[in-house]
Amino acid sequence: MTFDAWLAARASGVPAELRVRLHELLSDELRALPPASAVERLPEVAWERLASVLDRGGASRDAALDLLALDAIVTYALELSASVGGDIAARSQRLLERLVAMLLDRGPA
């Protein structure tokens, strides 16, 4: 199973506009990975989206779809972490710590 297949099974009820935005943000290469590999790459994708929103000021109405996509990516990263097995708590903590570290490294916009 690919990450794309995993995601398709979960995103069926997601509004079309958000599904399209997620597809735009998640590269073909990432979507083709097995879930266990994709889970390690999702924090970077989330960070890139957050950095882009922050660079544009983050408070505009145009940022809403990107913020929803960011939320979905982080949520899917945590769900995927749980579904690939292993030490779920440690992997989920690492994912969140990486996102926080990336945000702190950036400093104020």
Protein backbone atom coordinates (compact mmCIF):
# COMPACT_ATOMS: atom_id res chain seq x y z
CA MET A 1 0.00 0.00 0.00
CA THR A 2 1.17 3.52 -0.77
CA PHE A 3 0.67 6.63 1.32
CA ASP A 4 -1.63 7.84 -1.48
CA ALA A 5 -3.90 4.80 -1.04
CA TRP A 6 -3.82 5.21 2.73
CA LEU A 7 -4.74 8.89 2.37
CA ALA A 8 -7.50 8.24 -0.17
CA ALA A 9 -9.21 5.91 2.27
CA ARG A 10 -9.29 8.66 4.89
CA ALA A 11 -9.91 11.73 2.77
CA SER A 12 -13.08 10.58 1.03
CA GLY A 13 -15.26 12.87 3.19
CA VAL A 14 -12.93 15.86 2.93
CA PRO A 15 -14.30 18.81 0.94
CA ALA A 16 -13.09 18.75 -2.66
CA GLU A 17 -11.21 22.05 -2.45
CA LEU A 18 -9.20 20.82 0.54
CA ARG A 19 -8.51 17.45 -1.14
CA VAL A 20 -7.16 19.31 -4.18
CA ARG A 21 -4.96 21.51 -1.99
CA LEU A 22 -3.59 18.48 -0.16
CA HIS A 23 -2.85 16.82 -3.49
CA GLU A 24 -0.95 19.96 -4.57
CA LEU A 25 1.10 20.01 -1.36
CA LEU A 26 1.92 16.31 -1.22
CA SER A 27 4.31 15.48 -4.03
CA ASP A 28 3.85 12.49 -6.31
CA GLU A 29 7.04 11.06 -4.81
CA LEU A 30 5.70 11.37 -1.26
CA ARG A 31 2.32 9.89 -2.17
CA ALA A 32 4.06 6.89 -3.80
CA LEU A 33 6.01 6.04 -0.65
CA PRO A 34 4.97 3.27 1.71
CA PRO A 35 3.20 4.72 4.77
CA ALA A 36 6.13 4.00 7.11
CA SER A 37 8.41 6.15 4.93
CA ALA A 38 5.88 8.89 4.28
CA VAL A 39 5.26 9.46 7.99
CA GLU A 40 8.85 10.67 8.40
CA ARG A 41 8.48 13.25 5.60
CA LEU A 42 5.15 14.81 6.58
CA PRO A 43 6.56 17.20 9.22
CA GLU A 44 8.68 18.89 6.54
CA VAL A 45 5.67 19.28 4.29
CA ALA A 46 3.69 20.77 7.18
CA TRP A 47 6.56 23.11 7.99
CA GLU A 48 6.87 24.29 4.39
CA ARG A 49 3.16 25.10 4.36
CA LEU A 50 3.36 26.91 7.72
CA ALA A 51 6.43 28.88 6.62
CA SER A 52 4.63 29.92 3.44
CA VAL A 53 1.60 31.10 5.41
CA LEU A 54 3.78 32.99 7.89
CA ASP A 55 5.77 34.62 5.06
CA ARG A 56 2.51 36.00 3.69
CA GLY A 57 1.41 37.35 7.06
CA GLY A 58 -0.78 34.39 7.94
CA ALA A 59 -3.90 36.37 8.83
CA SER A 60 -5.44 36.85 5.42
CA ARG A 61 -8.57 35.07 4.31
CA ASP A 62 -6.48 33.51 1.52
CA ALA A 63 -4.44 31.68 4.16
CA ALA A 64 -7.47 29.78 5.46
CA LEU A 65 -7.22 26.91 2.96
CA ASP A 66 -3.49 26.58 3.56
CA LEU A 67 -4.05 26.53 7.33
CA LEU A 68 -6.71 23.85 6.93
CA ALA A 69 -4.31 21.85 4.76
CA LEU A 70 -1.57 22.29 7.38
CA ASP A 71 -3.92 21.02 10.07
CA ALA A 72 -4.89 18.05 7.89
CA ILE A 73 -1.24 17.19 7.18
CA VAL A 74 -0.34 17.20 10.87
CA THR A 75 -3.46 15.19 11.72
CA TYR A 76 -2.72 12.66 8.98
CA ALA A 77 0.91 12.43 10.14
CA LEU A 78 -0.27 11.48 13.62
CA GLU A 79 -2.88 9.05 12.28
CA LEU A 80 -0.33 7.50 9.96
CA SER A 81 2.13 7.22 12.82
CA ALA A 82 -0.43 5.21 14.75
CA SER A 83 -1.26 2.99 11.78
CA VAL A 84 2.30 1.96 10.87
CA GLY A 85 2.86 0.35 14.25
CA GLY A 86 5.96 0.30 16.36
CA ASP A 87 6.34 2.76 19.21
CA ILE A 88 3.42 5.04 18.37
CA ALA A 89 3.90 7.37 21.33
CA ALA A 90 7.59 7.92 20.62
CA ARG A 91 7.05 8.46 16.88
CA SER A 92 4.18 10.87 17.46
CA GLN A 93 6.21 12.79 20.01
CA ARG A 94 9.12 13.01 17.54
CA LEU A 95 6.79 14.34 14.83
CA LEU A 96 5.42 17.06 17.09
CA GLU A 97 8.86 17.92 18.47
CA ARG A 98 10.19 18.34 14.93
CA LEU A 99 7.38 20.74 14.06
CA VAL A 100 7.91 22.75 17.24
CA ALA A 101 11.70 22.84 16.67
CA MET A 102 11.20 24.06 13.10
CA LEU A 103 8.88 26.79 14.33
CA LEU A 104 11.28 27.87 17.11
CA ASP A 105 14.23 27.89 14.69
CA ARG A 106 12.34 30.25 12.45
CA GLY A 107 11.80 32.81 15.20
CA PRO A 108 9.34 35.69 14.88
CA ALA A 109 8.18 36.45 11.36
